[in-house]
PDB file of N, CA and C in Angstrom:
ATOM      1  N   UNK A   1     -22.771 -12.708   7.187  1.00  0.00           N
ATOM      2  CA  UNK A   1     -24.005 -11.942   6.978  1.00  0.00           C
ATOM      3  C   UNK A   1     -25.116 -12.572   7.652  1.00  0.00           C
ATOM      4  N   UNK A   2     -24.899 -13.461   8.648  1.00  0.00           N
ATOM      5  CA  UNK A   2     -25.897 -14.196   9.318  1.00  0.00           C
ATOM      6  C   UNK A   2     -26.529 -13.468  10.386  1.00  0.00           C
ATOM      7  N   UNK A   3     -26.263 -12.226  10.539  1.00  0.00           N
ATOM      8  CA  UNK A   3     -26.975 -11.450  11.638  1.00  0.00           C
ATOM      9  C   UNK A   3     -28.287 -10.953  11.280  1.00  0.00           C
ATOM     10  N   UNK A   4     -28.823 -11.144  10.040  1.00  0.00           N
ATOM     11  CA  UNK A   4     -30.053 -10.769   9.613  1.00  0.00           C
ATOM     12  C   UNK A   4     -30.310  -9.320   9.480  1.00  0.00           C
ATOM     13  N   UNK A   5     -29.277  -8.508   9.466  1.00  0.00           N
ATOM     14  CA  UNK A   5     -29.520  -7.127   9.278  1.00  0.00           C
ATOM     15  C   UNK A   5     -30.212  -6.794   7.920  1.00  0.00           C
ATOM     16  N   UNK A   6     -31.148  -5.887   7.919  1.00  0.00           N
ATOM     17  CA  UNK A   6     -31.724  -5.505   6.646  1.00  0.00           C
ATOM     18  C   UNK A   6     -31.706  -4.054   6.554  1.00  0.00           C
ATOM     19  N   UNK A   7     -31.551  -3.573   5.350  1.00  0.00           N
ATOM     20  CA  UNK A   7     -31.519  -2.163   5.031  1.00  0.00           C
ATOM     21  C   UNK A   7     -32.886  -1.737   4.569  1.00  0.00           C
ATOM     22  N   UNK A   8     -33.136  -0.398   4.485  1.00  0.00           N
ATOM     23  CA  UNK A   8     -34.455   0.071   4.169  1.00  0.00           C
ATOM     24  C   UNK A   8     -34.924  -0.394   2.730  1.00  0.00           C
ATOM     25  N   UNK A   9     -33.946  -0.594   1.934  1.00  0.00           N
ATOM     26  CA  UNK A   9     -34.238  -1.150   0.556  1.00  0.00           C
ATOM     27  C   UNK A   9     -34.650  -2.599   0.545  1.00  0.00           C
ATOM     28  N   UNK A  10     -34.654  -3.231   1.687  1.00  0.00           N
ATOM     29  CA  UNK A  10     -35.088  -4.620   1.717  1.00  0.00           C
ATOM     30  C   UNK A  10     -34.064  -5.682   1.357  1.00  0.00           C
ATOM     31  N   UNK A  11     -32.892  -5.263   1.091  1.00  0.00           N
ATOM     32  CA  UNK A  11     -31.780  -6.186   0.667  1.00  0.00           C
ATOM     33  C   UNK A  11     -30.633  -6.258   1.773  1.00  0.00           C
ATOM     34  N   UNK A  12     -29.863  -7.310   1.624  1.00  0.00           N
ATOM     35  CA  UNK A  12     -28.763  -7.481   2.553  1.00  0.00           C
ATOM     36  C   UNK A  12     -27.466  -7.109   1.781  1.00  0.00           C
ATOM     37  N   UNK A  13     -27.538  -6.865   0.506  1.00  0.00           N
ATOM     38  CA  UNK A  13     -26.281  -6.659  -0.305  1.00  0.00           C
ATOM     39  C   UNK A  13     -25.539  -5.459   0.291  1.00  0.00           C
ATOM     40  N   UNK A  14     -26.150  -4.432   0.608  1.00  0.00           N
ATOM     41  CA  UNK A  14     -25.462  -3.240   1.156  1.00  0.00           C
ATOM     42  C   UNK A  14     -24.758  -3.557   2.433  1.00  0.00           C
ATOM     43  N   UNK A  15     -25.367  -4.313   3.251  1.00  0.00           N
ATOM     44  CA  UNK A  15     -24.660  -4.758   4.431  1.00  0.00           C
ATOM     45  C   UNK A  15     -23.479  -5.610   4.262  1.00  0.00           C
ATOM     46  N   UNK A  16     -23.626  -6.495   3.221  1.00  0.00           N
ATOM     47  CA  UNK A  16     -22.496  -7.336   2.876  1.00  0.00           C
ATOM     48  C   UNK A  16     -21.253  -6.467   2.398  1.00  0.00           C
ATOM     49  N   UNK A  17     -21.616  -5.452   1.553  1.00  0.00           N
ATOM     50  CA  UNK A  17     -20.459  -4.628   1.093  1.00  0.00           C
ATOM     51  C   UNK A  17     -19.910  -3.843   2.254  1.00  0.00           C
ATOM     52  N   UNK A  18     -20.668  -3.295   3.108  1.00  0.00           N
ATOM     53  CA  UNK A  18     -20.240  -2.573   4.282  1.00  0.00           C
ATOM     54  C   UNK A  18     -19.396  -3.535   5.167  1.00  0.00           C
ATOM     55  N   UNK A  19     -19.670  -4.749   5.245  1.00  0.00           N
ATOM     56  CA  UNK A  19     -18.873  -5.661   6.013  1.00  0.00           C
ATOM     57  C   UNK A  19     -17.522  -5.822   5.357  1.00  0.00           C
ATOM     58  N   UNK A  20     -17.341  -5.785   4.044  1.00  0.00           N
ATOM     59  CA  UNK A  20     -16.156  -5.880   3.484  1.00  0.00           C
ATOM     60  C   UNK A  20     -15.256  -4.509   3.675  1.00  0.00           C
ATOM     61  N   UNK A  21     -15.987  -3.379   3.589  1.00  0.00           N
ATOM     62  CA  UNK A  21     -15.273  -2.146   3.780  1.00  0.00           C
ATOM     63  C   UNK A  21     -14.955  -1.879   5.208  1.00  0.00           C
ATOM     64  N   UNK A  22     -16.005  -2.045   6.127  1.00  0.00           N
ATOM     65  CA  UNK A  22     -15.835  -1.885   7.540  1.00  0.00           C
ATOM     66  C   UNK A  22     -16.125  -3.188   8.284  1.00  0.00           C
ATOM     67  N   UNK A  23     -15.286  -4.116   8.347  1.00  0.00           N
ATOM     68  CA  UNK A  23     -15.661  -5.448   8.937  1.00  0.00           C
ATOM     69  C   UNK A  23     -15.874  -5.281  10.489  1.00  0.00           C
ATOM     70  N   UNK A  24     -16.779  -6.042  11.000  1.00  0.00           N
ATOM     71  CA  UNK A  24     -17.097  -5.975  12.408  1.00  0.00           C
ATOM     72  C   UNK A  24     -16.169  -6.892  13.240  1.00  0.00           C
ATOM     73  N   UNK A  25     -15.617  -7.869  12.563  1.00  0.00           N
ATOM     74  CA  UNK A  25     -14.773  -8.801  13.398  1.00  0.00           C
ATOM     75  C   UNK A  25     -13.299  -8.543  13.414  1.00  0.00           C
ATOM     76  N   UNK A  26     -12.938  -7.342  12.995  1.00  0.00           N
ATOM     77  CA  UNK A  26     -11.583  -6.839  13.248  1.00  0.00           C
ATOM     78  C   UNK A  26     -10.506  -7.266  12.225  1.00  0.00           C
ATOM     79  N   UNK A  27      -9.264  -7.245  12.679  1.00  0.00           N
ATOM     80  CA  UNK A  27      -8.107  -7.351  11.872  1.00  0.00           C
ATOM     81  C   UNK A  27      -8.096  -8.676  11.043  1.00  0.00           C
ATOM     82  N   UNK A  28      -8.536  -9.765  11.712  1.00  0.00           N
ATOM     83  CA  UNK A  28      -8.562 -10.996  11.011  1.00  0.00           C
ATOM     84  C   UNK A  28      -9.258 -10.987   9.664  1.00  0.00           C
ATOM     85  N   UNK A  29     -10.426 -10.461   9.679  1.00  0.00           N
ATOM     86  CA  UNK A  29     -11.292 -10.312   8.386  1.00  0.00           C
ATOM     87  C   UNK A  29     -10.496  -9.396   7.483  1.00  0.00           C
ATOM     88  N   UNK A  30      -9.962  -8.281   7.966  1.00  0.00           N
ATOM     89  CA  UNK A  30      -9.231  -7.337   7.036  1.00  0.00           C
ATOM     90  C   UNK A  30      -8.019  -8.065   6.356  1.00  0.00           C
ATOM     91  N   UNK A  31      -7.357  -8.881   7.166  1.00  0.00           N
ATOM     92  CA  UNK A  31      -6.254  -9.612   6.592  1.00  0.00           C
ATOM     93  C   UNK A  31      -6.621 -10.544   5.459  1.00  0.00           C
ATOM     94  N   UNK A  32      -7.777 -11.291   5.693  1.00  0.00           N
ATOM     95  CA  UNK A  32      -8.220 -12.158   4.631  1.00  0.00           C
ATOM     96  C   UNK A  32      -8.614 -11.373   3.317  1.00  0.00           C
ATOM     97  N   UNK A  33      -9.275 -10.232   3.491  1.00  0.00           N
ATOM     98  CA  UNK A  33      -9.606  -9.316   2.336  1.00  0.00           C
ATOM     99  C   UNK A  33      -8.343  -8.836   1.670  1.00  0.00           C
ATOM    100  N   UNK A  34      -7.429  -8.387   2.487  1.00  0.00           N
ATOM    101  CA  UNK A  34      -6.227  -7.945   1.941  1.00  0.00           C
ATOM    102  C   UNK A  34      -5.355  -8.990   1.162  1.00  0.00           C
ATOM    103  N   UNK A  35      -5.320 -10.154   1.710  1.00  0.00           N
ATOM    104  CA  UNK A  35      -4.729 -11.207   1.034  1.00  0.00           C
ATOM    105  C   UNK A  35      -5.343 -11.523  -0.335  1.00  0.00           C
ATOM    106  N   UNK A  36      -6.657 -11.616  -0.325  1.00  0.00           N
ATOM    107  CA  UNK A  36      -7.327 -11.854  -1.570  1.00  0.00           C
ATOM    108  C   UNK A  36      -7.140 -10.729  -2.564  1.00  0.00           C
ATOM    109  N   UNK A  37      -7.172  -9.462  -2.135  1.00  0.00           N
ATOM    110  CA  UNK A  37      -6.965  -8.386  -3.092  1.00  0.00           C
ATOM    111  C   UNK A  37      -5.504  -8.392  -3.643  1.00  0.00           C
ATOM    112  N   UNK A  38      -4.568  -8.786  -2.746  1.00  0.00           N
ATOM    113  CA  UNK A  38      -3.241  -8.937  -3.289  1.00  0.00           C
ATOM    114  C   UNK A  38      -3.084  -9.964  -4.340  1.00  0.00           C
ATOM    115  N   UNK A  39      -3.778 -11.128  -4.134  1.00  0.00           N
ATOM    116  CA  UNK A  39      -3.755 -12.082  -5.213  1.00  0.00           C
ATOM    117  C   UNK A  39      -4.377 -11.683  -6.501  1.00  0.00           C
ATOM    118  N   UNK A  40      -5.525 -10.953  -6.401  1.00  0.00           N
ATOM    119  CA  UNK A  40      -6.135 -10.432  -7.599  1.00  0.00           C
ATOM    120  C   UNK A  40      -5.253  -9.413  -8.279  1.00  0.00           C
ATOM    121  N   UNK A  41      -4.630  -8.559  -7.498  1.00  0.00           N
ATOM    122  CA  UNK A  41      -3.667  -7.489  -8.124  1.00  0.00           C
ATOM    123  C   UNK A  41      -2.537  -8.336  -8.694  1.00  0.00           C
ATOM    124  N   UNK A  42      -1.965  -9.337  -8.165  1.00  0.00           N
ATOM    125  CA  UNK A  42      -0.833 -10.028  -8.649  1.00  0.00           C
ATOM    126  C   UNK A  42      -1.254 -10.709 -10.008  1.00  0.00           C
ATOM    127  N   UNK A  43      -2.527 -11.304 -10.035  1.00  0.00           N
ATOM    128  CA  UNK A  43      -3.010 -11.933 -11.216  1.00  0.00           C
ATOM    129  C   UNK A  43      -3.096 -10.964 -12.390  1.00  0.00           C
ATOM    130  N   UNK A  44      -3.638  -9.755 -12.106  1.00  0.00           N
ATOM    131  CA  UNK A  44      -3.788  -8.841 -13.237  1.00  0.00           C
ATOM    132  C   UNK A  44      -2.427  -8.247 -13.630  1.00  0.00           C
ATOM    133  N   UNK A  45      -1.449  -8.210 -12.748  1.00  0.00           N
ATOM    134  CA  UNK A  45      -0.109  -7.814 -13.137  1.00  0.00           C
ATOM    135  C   UNK A  45       0.529  -8.869 -14.046  1.00  0.00           C
ATOM    136  N   UNK A  46       0.228 -10.130 -13.823  1.00  0.00           N
ATOM    137  CA  UNK A  46       0.715 -11.190 -14.639  1.00  0.00           C
ATOM    138  C   UNK A  46      -0.004 -11.134 -16.025  1.00  0.00           C
ATOM    139  N   UNK A  47      -1.295 -10.905 -15.998  1.00  0.00           N
ATOM    140  CA  UNK A  47      -2.095 -10.801 -17.263  1.00  0.00           C
ATOM    141  C   UNK A  47      -1.502  -9.671 -18.072  1.00  0.00           C
ATOM    142  N   UNK A  48      -1.323  -8.545 -17.400  1.00  0.00           N
ATOM    143  CA  UNK A  48      -0.674  -7.390 -18.102  1.00  0.00           C
ATOM    144  C   UNK A  48       0.657  -7.667 -18.710  1.00  0.00           C
ATOM    145  N   UNK A  49       1.528  -8.225 -17.904  1.00  0.00           N
ATOM    146  CA  UNK A  49       2.871  -8.476 -18.319  1.00  0.00           C
ATOM    147  C   UNK A  49       3.070  -9.534 -19.373  1.00  0.00           C
ATOM    148  N   UNK A  50       2.245 -10.603 -19.284  1.00  0.00           N
ATOM    149  CA  UNK A  50       2.415 -11.696 -20.272  1.00  0.00           C
ATOM    150  C   UNK A  50       1.511 -11.581 -21.503  1.00  0.00           C
ATOM    151  N   UNK A  51       0.427 -10.719 -21.465  1.00  0.00           N
ATOM    152  CA  UNK A  51      -0.438 -10.762 -22.560  1.00  0.00           C
ATOM    153  C   UNK A  51      -0.717  -9.384 -23.123  1.00  0.00           C
ATOM    154  N   UNK A  52      -1.058  -8.453 -22.299  1.00  0.00           N
ATOM    155  CA  UNK A  52      -1.480  -7.201 -22.816  1.00  0.00           C
ATOM    156  C   UNK A  52      -0.386  -6.362 -23.324  1.00  0.00           C
ATOM    157  N   UNK A  53       0.779  -6.269 -22.648  1.00  0.00           N
ATOM    158  CA  UNK A  53       1.892  -5.447 -23.153  1.00  0.00           C
ATOM    159  C   UNK A  53       2.555  -6.087 -24.407  1.00  0.00           C
ATOM    160  N   UNK A  54       2.366  -7.322 -24.583  1.00  0.00           N
ATOM    161  CA  UNK A  54       3.013  -8.005 -25.759  1.00  0.00           C
ATOM    162  C   UNK A  54       2.119  -8.040 -26.936  1.00  0.00           C
ATOM    163  N   UNK A  55       0.865  -7.592 -26.726  1.00  0.00           N
ATOM    164  CA  UNK A  55      -0.073  -7.676 -27.898  1.00  0.00           C
ATOM    165  C   UNK A  55      -0.345  -6.328 -28.626  1.00  0.00           C
ATOM    166  N   UNK A  56      -0.901  -6.458 -29.680  1.00  0.00           N
ATOM    167  CA  UNK A  56      -1.347  -5.279 -30.534  1.00  0.00           C
ATOM    168  C   UNK A  56      -2.894  -5.597 -30.690  1.00  0.00           C
ATOM    169  N   UNK A  57      -3.663  -4.524 -30.256  1.00  0.00           N
ATOM    170  CA  UNK A  57      -5.144  -4.635 -30.329  1.00  0.00           C
ATOM    171  C   UNK A  57      -5.677  -3.461 -31.028  1.00  0.00           C
ATOM    172  N   UNK A  58      -6.409  -3.800 -32.137  1.00  0.00           N
ATOM    173  CA  UNK A  58      -6.974  -2.793 -32.984  1.00  0.00           C
ATOM    174  C   UNK A  58      -8.372  -2.263 -32.494  1.00  0.00           C
ATOM    175  N   UNK A  59      -8.903  -2.996 -31.559  1.00  0.00           N
ATOM    176  CA  UNK A  59     -10.219  -2.607 -31.038  1.00  0.00           C
ATOM    177  C   UNK A  59     -10.411  -3.217 -29.673  1.00  0.00           C
ATOM    178  N   UNK A  60     -11.414  -2.729 -28.988  1.00  0.00           N
ATOM    179  CA  UNK A  60     -11.693  -3.249 -27.602  1.00  0.00           C
ATOM    180  C   UNK A  60     -12.099  -4.796 -27.779  1.00  0.00           C
ATOM    181  N   UNK A  61     -12.823  -5.106 -28.873  1.00  0.00           N
ATOM    182  CA  UNK A  61     -13.186  -6.485 -29.109  1.00  0.00           C
ATOM    183  C   UNK A  61     -11.978  -7.390 -29.208  1.00  0.00           C
ATOM    184  N   UNK A  62     -10.946  -6.864 -29.860  1.00  0.00           N
ATOM    185  CA  UNK A  62      -9.657  -7.674 -29.962  1.00  0.00           C
ATOM    186  C   UNK A  62      -9.038  -7.873 -28.698  1.00  0.00           C
ATOM    187  N   UNK A  63      -9.027  -6.834 -27.804  1.00  0.00           N
ATOM    188  CA  UNK A  63      -8.510  -6.985 -26.466  1.00  0.00           C
ATOM    189  C   UNK A  63      -9.320  -7.965 -25.669  1.00  0.00           C
ATOM    190  N   UNK A  64     -10.579  -7.880 -25.721  1.00  0.00           N
ATOM    191  CA  UNK A  64     -11.469  -8.842 -24.952  1.00  0.00           C
ATOM    192  C   UNK A  64     -11.161 -10.261 -25.389  1.00  0.00           C
ATOM    193  N   UNK A  65     -11.155 -10.424 -26.742  1.00  0.00           N
ATOM    194  CA  UNK A  65     -10.825 -11.767 -27.288  1.00  0.00           C
ATOM    195  C   UNK A  65      -9.496 -12.311 -26.834  1.00  0.00           C
ATOM    196  N   UNK A  66      -8.475 -11.431 -26.768  1.00  0.00           N
ATOM    197  CA  UNK A  66      -7.155 -11.852 -26.354  1.00  0.00           C
ATOM    198  C   UNK A  66      -7.130 -12.293 -24.862  1.00  0.00           C
ATOM    199  N   UNK A  67      -7.909 -11.507 -24.073  1.00  0.00           N
ATOM    200  CA  UNK A  67      -7.952 -11.786 -22.585  1.00  0.00           C
ATOM    201  C   UNK A  67      -8.741 -13.165 -22.406  1.00  0.00           C
ATOM    202  N   UNK A  68      -9.812 -13.332 -23.176  1.00  0.00           N
ATOM    203  CA  UNK A  68     -10.506 -14.612 -22.989  1.00  0.00           C
ATOM    204  C   UNK A  68      -9.668 -15.756 -23.447  1.00  0.00           C
ATOM    205  N   UNK A  69      -8.771 -15.618 -24.505  1.00  0.00           N
ATOM    206  CA  UNK A  69      -7.949 -16.621 -24.942  1.00  0.00           C
ATOM    207  C   UNK A  69      -6.886 -16.941 -23.843  1.00  0.00           C
ATOM    208  N   UNK A  70      -6.325 -15.911 -23.218  1.00  0.00           N
ATOM    209  CA  UNK A  70      -5.375 -16.070 -22.133  1.00  0.00           C
ATOM    210  C   UNK A  70      -5.965 -16.812 -20.958  1.00  0.00           C
ATOM    211  N   UNK A  71      -7.305 -16.473 -20.640  1.00  0.00           N
ATOM    212  CA  UNK A  71      -7.964 -17.223 -19.542  1.00  0.00           C
ATOM    213  C   UNK A  71      -8.078 -18.576 -19.902  1.00  0.00           C
ATOM    214  N   UNK A  72      -8.485 -18.947 -21.163  1.00  0.00           N
ATOM    215  CA  UNK A  72      -8.672 -20.367 -21.519  1.00  0.00           C
ATOM    216  C   UNK A  72      -7.350 -21.116 -21.438  1.00  0.00           C
ATOM    217  N   UNK A  73      -6.349 -20.581 -21.936  1.00  0.00           N
ATOM    218  CA  UNK A  73      -5.045 -21.295 -21.945  1.00  0.00           C
ATOM    219  C   UNK A  73      -4.491 -21.356 -20.473  1.00  0.00           C
ATOM    220  N   UNK A  74      -4.650 -20.318 -19.705  1.00  0.00           N
ATOM    221  CA  UNK A  74      -4.256 -20.311 -18.320  1.00  0.00           C
ATOM    222  C   UNK A  74      -4.982 -21.309 -17.508  1.00  0.00           C
ATOM    223  N   UNK A  75      -6.341 -21.515 -17.730  1.00  0.00           N
ATOM    224  CA  UNK A  75      -7.207 -22.411 -16.984  1.00  0.00           C
ATOM    225  C   UNK A  75      -7.012 -23.782 -17.435  1.00  0.00           C
ATOM    226  N   UNK A  76      -6.451 -23.987 -18.631  1.00  0.00           N
ATOM    227  CA  UNK A  76      -6.221 -25.427 -19.144  1.00  0.00           C
ATOM    228  C   UNK A  76      -5.051 -26.066 -18.350  1.00  0.00           C
ATOM    229  N   UNK A  77      -4.175 -25.271 -17.800  1.00  0.00           N
ATOM    230  CA  UNK A  77      -2.996 -25.724 -17.113  1.00  0.00           C
ATOM    231  C   UNK A  77      -2.622 -24.797 -15.945  1.00  0.00           C
ATOM    232  N   UNK A  78      -3.578 -24.689 -14.971  1.00  0.00           N
ATOM    233  CA  UNK A  78      -3.273 -23.745 -13.914  1.00  0.00           C
ATOM    234  C   UNK A  78      -2.176 -24.040 -13.002  1.00  0.00           C
ATOM    235  N   UNK A  79      -1.492 -23.063 -12.523  1.00  0.00           N
ATOM    236  CA  UNK A  79      -0.373 -23.236 -11.548  1.00  0.00           C
ATOM    237  C   UNK A  79      -0.565 -22.265 -10.332  1.00  0.00           C
ATOM    238  N   UNK A  80      -0.378 -22.745  -9.173  1.00  0.00           N
ATOM    239  CA  UNK A  80      -0.540 -21.846  -8.033  1.00  0.00           C
ATOM    240  C   UNK A  80       0.604 -20.775  -8.146  1.00  0.00           C
ATOM    241  N   UNK A  81       0.258 -19.600  -7.521  1.00  0.00           N
ATOM    242  CA  UNK A  81       1.223 -18.564  -7.372  1.00  0.00           C
ATOM    243  C   UNK A  81       2.193 -18.981  -6.225  1.00  0.00           C
ATOM    244  N   UNK A  82       3.479 -18.812  -6.455  1.00  0.00           N
ATOM    245  CA  UNK A  82       4.469 -19.154  -5.446  1.00  0.00           C
ATOM    246  C   UNK A  82       5.351 -17.909  -5.237  1.00  0.00           C
ATOM    247  N   UNK A  83       5.457 -17.547  -4.023  1.00  0.00           N
ATOM    248  CA  UNK A  83       6.372 -16.365  -3.698  1.00  0.00           C
ATOM    249  C   UNK A  83       7.739 -16.760  -4.038  1.00  0.00           C
ATOM    250  N   UNK A  84       8.491 -15.912  -4.597  1.00  0.00           N
ATOM    251  CA  UNK A  84       9.957 -16.236  -4.992  1.00  0.00           C
ATOM    252  C   UNK A  84      10.841 -15.337  -4.269  1.00  0.00           C
ATOM    253  N   UNK A  85      10.449 -14.621  -3.317  1.00  0.00           N
ATOM    254  CA  UNK A  85      11.208 -13.638  -2.589  1.00  0.00           C
ATOM    255  C   UNK A  85      11.094 -13.893  -1.050  1.00  0.00           C
ATOM    256  N   UNK A  86      12.074 -13.330  -0.328  1.00  0.00           N
ATOM    257  CA  UNK A  86      11.916 -13.477   1.148  1.00  0.00           C
ATOM    258  C   UNK A  86      11.308 -12.183   1.694  1.00  0.00           C
ATOM    259  N   UNK A  87      11.020 -12.139   2.909  1.00  0.00           N
ATOM    260  CA  UNK A  87      10.409 -10.917   3.456  1.00  0.00           C
ATOM    261  C   UNK A  87      11.375  -9.723   3.514  1.00  0.00           C
ATOM    262  N   UNK A  88      12.637  -9.975   3.565  1.00  0.00           N
ATOM    263  CA  UNK A  88      13.628  -8.861   3.818  1.00  0.00           C
ATOM    264  C   UNK A  88      13.467  -7.832   2.706  1.00  0.00           C
ATOM    265  N   UNK A  89      13.527  -8.145   1.411  1.00  0.00           N
ATOM    266  CA  UNK A  89      13.512  -7.106   0.411  1.00  0.00           C
ATOM    267  C   UNK A  89      12.150  -6.285   0.477  1.00  0.00           C
ATOM    268  N   UNK A  90      11.141  -6.990   0.846  1.00  0.00           N
ATOM    269  CA  UNK A  90       9.838  -6.243   0.919  1.00  0.00           C
ATOM    270  C   UNK A  90       9.923  -5.337   2.160  1.00  0.00           C
ATOM    271  N   UNK A  91      10.410  -5.771   3.311  1.00  0.00           N
ATOM    272  CA  UNK A  91      10.486  -4.934   4.433  1.00  0.00           C
ATOM    273  C   UNK A  91      11.437  -3.803   4.174  1.00  0.00           C
ATOM    274  N   UNK A  92      12.552  -3.970   3.414  1.00  0.00           N
ATOM    275  CA  UNK A  92      13.453  -2.896   3.037  1.00  0.00           C
ATOM    276  C   UNK A  92      12.699  -1.831   2.277  1.00  0.00           C
ATOM    277  N   UNK A  93      11.873  -2.160   1.346  1.00  0.00           N
ATOM    278  CA  UNK A  93      11.024  -1.233   0.542  1.00  0.00           C
ATOM    279  C   UNK A  93      10.156  -0.469   1.476  1.00  0.00           C
ATOM    280  N   UNK A  94       9.524  -1.142   2.428  1.00  0.00           N
ATOM    281  CA  UNK A  94       8.655  -0.493   3.382  1.00  0.00           C
ATOM    282  C   UNK A  94       9.491   0.551   4.224  1.00  0.00           C
ATOM    283  N   UNK A  95      10.658   0.221   4.637  1.00  0.00           N
ATOM    284  CA  UNK A  95      11.488   1.126   5.360  1.00  0.00           C
ATOM    285  C   UNK A  95      11.812   2.346   4.545  1.00  0.00           C
ATOM    286  N   UNK A  96      12.252   2.169   3.233  1.00  0.00           N
ATOM    287  CA  UNK A  96      12.581   3.285   2.372  1.00  0.00           C
ATOM    288  C   UNK A  96      11.372   4.139   2.194  1.00  0.00           C
ATOM    289  N   UNK A  97      10.219   3.447   2.022  1.00  0.00           N
ATOM    290  CA  UNK A  97       8.999   4.265   1.840  1.00  0.00           C
ATOM    291  C   UNK A  97       8.661   5.131   3.011  1.00  0.00           C
ATOM    292  N   UNK A  98       8.819   4.584   4.204  1.00  0.00           N
ATOM    293  CA  UNK A  98       8.607   5.375   5.404  1.00  0.00           C
ATOM    294  C   UNK A  98       9.549   6.590   5.537  1.00  0.00           C
ATOM    295  N   UNK A  99      10.796   6.408   5.217  1.00  0.00           N
ATOM    296  CA  UNK A  99      11.785   7.444   5.221  1.00  0.00           C
ATOM    297  C   UNK A  99      11.369   8.485   4.233  1.00  0.00           C
ATOM    298  N   UNK A 100      10.946   8.169   3.068  1.00  0.00           N
ATOM    299  CA  UNK A 100      10.547   9.166   2.071  1.00  0.00           C
ATOM    300  C   UNK A 100       9.289   9.894   2.550  1.00  0.00           C
ATOM    301  N   UNK A 101       8.357   9.198   3.105  1.00  0.00           N
ATOM    302  CA  UNK A 101       7.105   9.822   3.597  1.00  0.00           C
ATOM    303  C   UNK A 101       7.446  10.808   4.698  1.00  0.00           C
ATOM    304  N   UNK A 102       8.357  10.389   5.571  1.00  0.00           N
ATOM    305  CA  UNK A 102       8.744  11.242   6.734  1.00  0.00           C
ATOM    306  C   UNK A 102       9.501  12.511   6.119  1.00  0.00           C
ATOM    307  N   UNK A 103      10.339  12.348   5.195  1.00  0.00           N
ATOM    308  CA  UNK A 103      10.940  13.470   4.596  1.00  0.00           C
ATOM    309  C   UNK A 103      10.075  14.474   3.942  1.00  0.00           C
ATOM    310  N   UNK A 104       9.070  13.912   3.220  1.00  0.00           N
ATOM    311  CA  UNK A 104       8.093  14.683   2.615  1.00  0.00           C
ATOM    312  C   UNK A 104       7.237  15.477   3.606  1.00  0.00           C
ATOM    313  N   UNK A 105       6.901  14.806   4.670  1.00  0.00           N
ATOM    314  CA  UNK A 105       6.059  15.419   5.764  1.00  0.00           C
ATOM    315  C   UNK A 105       6.829  16.544   6.446  1.00  0.00           C
ATOM    316  N   UNK A 106       8.163  16.381   6.571  1.00  0.00           N
ATOM    317  CA  UNK A 106       9.005  17.391   7.266  1.00  0.00           C
ATOM    318  C   UNK A 106       9.207  18.606   6.329  1.00  0.00           C
ATOM    319  N   UNK A 107       9.079  18.414   4.967  1.00  0.00           N
ATOM    320  CA  UNK A 107       9.335  19.522   4.074  1.00  0.00           C
ATOM    321  C   UNK A 107       8.091  20.451   4.136  1.00  0.00           C
ATOM    322  N   UNK A 108       6.986  19.961   4.372  1.00  0.00           N
ATOM    323  CA  UNK A 108       5.689  20.671   4.332  1.00  0.00           C
ATOM    324  C   UNK A 108       5.405  21.392   5.616  1.00  0.00           C
TER     325      UNK A 108
END
């Protein structure tokens, strides 16, 4: 955001958001954003699988309290996310997805 662009509203926030959505420096920037989003998505999947699906919540407040407790426990002993699969199963899913999309496109 060091280019000094300003919007009519006098803030740079909109420009910063636009940079995330439409980066000027190409694929490298998109790759970093995609990796970050994948990690966020993975973290929420873990939160859902380990805490939300196993719990019973009688109110939104109960759910919020449970999430905060999960965060506290998780942050007390954090562990890095480690991939446990090779690229081949992922690429196979991509191939199957492409075949399905192509079949769907051919039907229409």
